[in-house]
Structure formats: C-alpha cells, structure tokens
Protein backbone atom coordinates (compact mmCIF):
# COMPACT_ATOMS: atom_id res chain seq x y z
CA MET A 1 56.15 -39.11 -47.64
CA LEU A 2 53.75 -36.59 -46.09
CA LYS A 3 52.03 -36.15 -49.46
CA LYS A 4 51.46 -39.92 -49.73
CA PHE A 5 50.07 -40.01 -46.21
CA LYS A 6 47.70 -37.11 -46.94
CA ASN A 7 46.45 -38.78 -50.11
CA TRP A 8 45.96 -42.07 -48.28
CA TYR A 9 44.11 -40.30 -45.44
CA ARG A 10 41.83 -38.43 -47.87
CA GLN A 11 40.94 -41.65 -49.63
CA ILE A 12 40.09 -43.37 -46.36
CA PHE A 13 38.14 -40.36 -45.05
CA GLN A 14 36.20 -39.90 -48.30
CA VAL A 15 35.19 -43.57 -48.33
CA GLN A 16 33.92 -43.30 -44.77
CA GLU A 17 32.17 -40.00 -45.55
CA ALA A 18 30.52 -41.61 -48.57
CA LYS A 19 29.21 -44.40 -46.32
CA TYR A 20 27.69 -41.86 -43.97
CA GLN A 21 26.19 -39.91 -46.86
CA ASP A 22 24.64 -43.06 -48.30
CA VAL A 23 23.10 -44.04 -44.99
CA LEU A 24 22.11 -40.58 -43.83
CA ASP A 25 20.73 -39.49 -47.19
CA ILE A 26 17.04 -39.88 -47.84
CA LYS A 27 15.07 -38.75 -50.83
CA ASN A 28 11.98 -36.69 -50.16
CA HIS A 29 9.00 -38.77 -51.16
CA GLU A 30 5.39 -39.64 -50.48
CA VAL A 31 4.54 -42.53 -48.17
CA GLN A 32 1.26 -44.17 -47.33
CA ILE A 33 0.37 -45.10 -43.77
CA GLN A 34 -3.00 -46.68 -43.03
CA ASP A 35 -4.28 -45.59 -46.47
CA VAL A 36 -3.34 -41.93 -45.90
CA ASP A 37 -0.69 -40.15 -47.97
CA TYR A 38 2.09 -38.24 -46.23
CA PHE A 39 5.26 -36.53 -47.40
CA LEU A 40 8.53 -37.68 -45.82
CA ALA A 41 11.60 -35.44 -46.02
CA LYS A 42 14.93 -34.74 -44.42
CA ALA A 43 14.49 -31.97 -41.83
CA GLN A 44 15.64 -28.48 -42.80
CA PHE A 45 16.42 -25.41 -40.70
CA THR A 46 13.13 -23.90 -41.90
CA ASP A 47 11.29 -26.78 -40.16
CA ILE A 48 12.56 -25.80 -36.70
CA PRO A 49 9.70 -23.42 -35.78
CA GLU A 50 7.14 -26.11 -36.63
CA MET A 51 9.16 -28.73 -34.72
CA LEU A 52 9.07 -26.43 -31.68
CA GLY A 53 5.31 -26.07 -32.16
CA ILE A 54 4.93 -29.84 -32.09
CA GLU A 55 6.99 -29.98 -28.90
CA ARG A 56 4.72 -27.36 -27.30
CA ALA A 57 1.66 -29.37 -28.27
CA VAL A 58 3.14 -32.64 -26.99
CA TYR A 59 4.79 -31.35 -23.80
CA GLY A 60 2.05 -29.10 -22.39
CA GLY A 61 3.35 -25.79 -23.71
CA LYS A 62 7.01 -26.48 -23.00
CA THR A 63 9.85 -27.11 -25.45
CA PRO A 64 12.44 -29.53 -24.05
CA TRP A 65 14.68 -28.56 -26.97
CA ASP A 66 15.11 -24.98 -28.13
CA SER A 67 15.77 -23.77 -31.67
CA ALA A 68 19.54 -23.64 -31.03
CA ALA A 69 19.56 -27.33 -30.03
CA PHE A 70 17.69 -28.35 -33.18
CA ALA A 71 19.92 -26.16 -35.35
CA SER A 72 23.01 -27.70 -33.79
CA GLU A 73 21.72 -31.20 -34.54
CA LEU A 74 20.80 -30.36 -38.15
CA ARG A 75 24.29 -28.95 -38.77
CA ARG A 76 25.84 -32.33 -37.86
CA GLU A 77 25.16 -34.02 -41.18
CA THR A 78 27.82 -36.70 -40.83
CA ASP A 79 26.34 -38.47 -37.81
CA ARG A 80 22.76 -37.21 -37.44
CA LEU A 81 19.56 -37.85 -39.37
CA TYR A 82 16.40 -35.84 -38.77
CA LEU A 83 13.22 -36.55 -40.71
CA VAL A 84 9.90 -34.76 -40.88
CA MET A 85 6.50 -35.95 -42.02
CA ARG A 86 3.92 -33.64 -43.57
CA ARG A 87 0.35 -33.80 -44.81
CA HIS A 88 -1.14 -30.94 -46.80
CA ASP A 89 1.99 -28.89 -46.04
CA ARG A 90 1.51 -29.22 -42.27
CA LEU A 91 4.36 -30.72 -40.26
CA LEU A 92 2.86 -33.57 -38.25
CA ALA A 93 5.80 -35.54 -36.92
CA PHE A 94 9.57 -35.64 -36.71
CA ILE A 95 12.34 -37.94 -35.57
CA GLY A 96 16.04 -37.47 -34.92
CA CYS A 97 18.74 -40.09 -34.65
CA THR A 98 22.45 -39.99 -33.94
CA PHE A 99 24.85 -42.62 -35.24
CA ASN A 100 27.97 -43.45 -33.22
CA GLU A 101 30.76 -45.05 -35.22
CA VAL A 102 32.92 -45.79 -32.18
CA LYS A 103 30.18 -47.77 -30.42
CA SER A 104 28.64 -48.99 -33.69
CA ASP A 105 25.18 -48.00 -32.56
CA ALA A 106 22.40 -45.51 -33.09
CA HIS A 107 20.31 -43.49 -30.65
CA ILE A 108 16.94 -41.86 -31.27
CA THR A 109 17.39 -38.38 -29.85
CA ASN A 110 13.91 -37.00 -30.37
CA ILE A 111 10.55 -38.08 -31.75
CA ALA A 112 7.19 -36.36 -31.60
CA VAL A 113 3.81 -36.50 -33.32
CA VAL A 114 1.16 -33.77 -33.06
CA PRO A 115 -1.57 -34.94 -30.66
CA ASP A 116 -4.38 -35.04 -33.24
CA TYR A 117 -2.32 -37.44 -35.41
CA GLN A 118 -1.10 -39.75 -32.65
CA SER A 119 -2.13 -43.43 -32.80
CA ARG A 120 -2.16 -43.34 -36.61
CA GLY A 121 1.16 -45.13 -37.08
CA LEU A 122 3.36 -42.09 -37.84
CA GLY A 123 5.74 -42.56 -34.90
CA HIS A 124 6.00 -46.29 -35.55
CA PHE A 125 6.74 -45.62 -39.23
CA LEU A 126 9.50 -43.12 -38.39
CA ILE A 127 11.13 -45.49 -35.89
CA GLN A 128 11.04 -48.29 -38.48
CA ILE A 129 12.90 -46.08 -40.96
CA MET A 130 15.72 -45.58 -38.45
CA ILE A 131 15.82 -49.28 -37.60
CA LYS A 132 16.03 -50.23 -41.28
CA LYS A 133 18.93 -47.88 -42.02
CA PRO A 134 21.86 -50.04 -43.13
CA ASN A 135 24.72 -50.52 -40.75
CA ILE A 136 27.15 -47.73 -41.64
CA TRP A 137 30.04 -49.57 -40.03
CA ALA A 138 29.70 -52.81 -41.97
C-alpha cells in the first residue's frame, strides 16, 4: 500500500513540477525593443555582481538586496523566475518574480534598469513577460 501511495505521489508531484518548469523556463534569445536589439536570458549566479551594480546605480550607491538575497532567490527554481537583459554583453536590466501556488498569484520581487537605459521600454517589456506567463495553476 505504501508503495502505491509513493508512486501516486511521485506522479502528482512530477506533473506539478513539470507545470512549473514549463512556466518558469525561458529560452535565451534576442528581442527587439524600439528598434534596438537586446539579449534576454534567465538570470544566473554569475549575473549577481552586475545586478548589484545596477542596484547601486539606481538606488544612489546602496544595494537594497545583497548577493546572498539574490543567490537565495536564484536557487528557488520551482517558484521564482529572474530574467536579465543585455546589450553588447552589458547587463542593463533585470526582473524577479515569485509565483505562489496557494494564493494562485505572482509577485514582482525586484526590477531595475540602469539609469542611462531607462525610458527605453526595457522595464515595461520585462513586466509584460511576467504578465504573459501562463497561469501555472490552471
């Protein structure tokens, strides 16, 4: 009986995990915003120093989040999605979002665009990606 329950539980859990993976997965690719090409990718641990640099530029030399906070978020692959946007290998913007299955909602945890690229549609584009993510609880 326990073996049947374990098999049943694994099947249910794997289906749910597959849903999360489908929704939270994004292929790295080029995008065009206002006739300018950018590279959109899922955030990696190696992006954290540049993300902190953007925070310093945006928040007057301060970093509301430290590297440990970003690392903790990036480790949570089943309910978090962090994206970065680059141009000519320079990180220009990032966004983070958490998905809550219990409440069936999503929450943008962090978004920032380097000051010299603000008002070019990058932040709007990143928010639209999160809004368009399919409902993982459907």
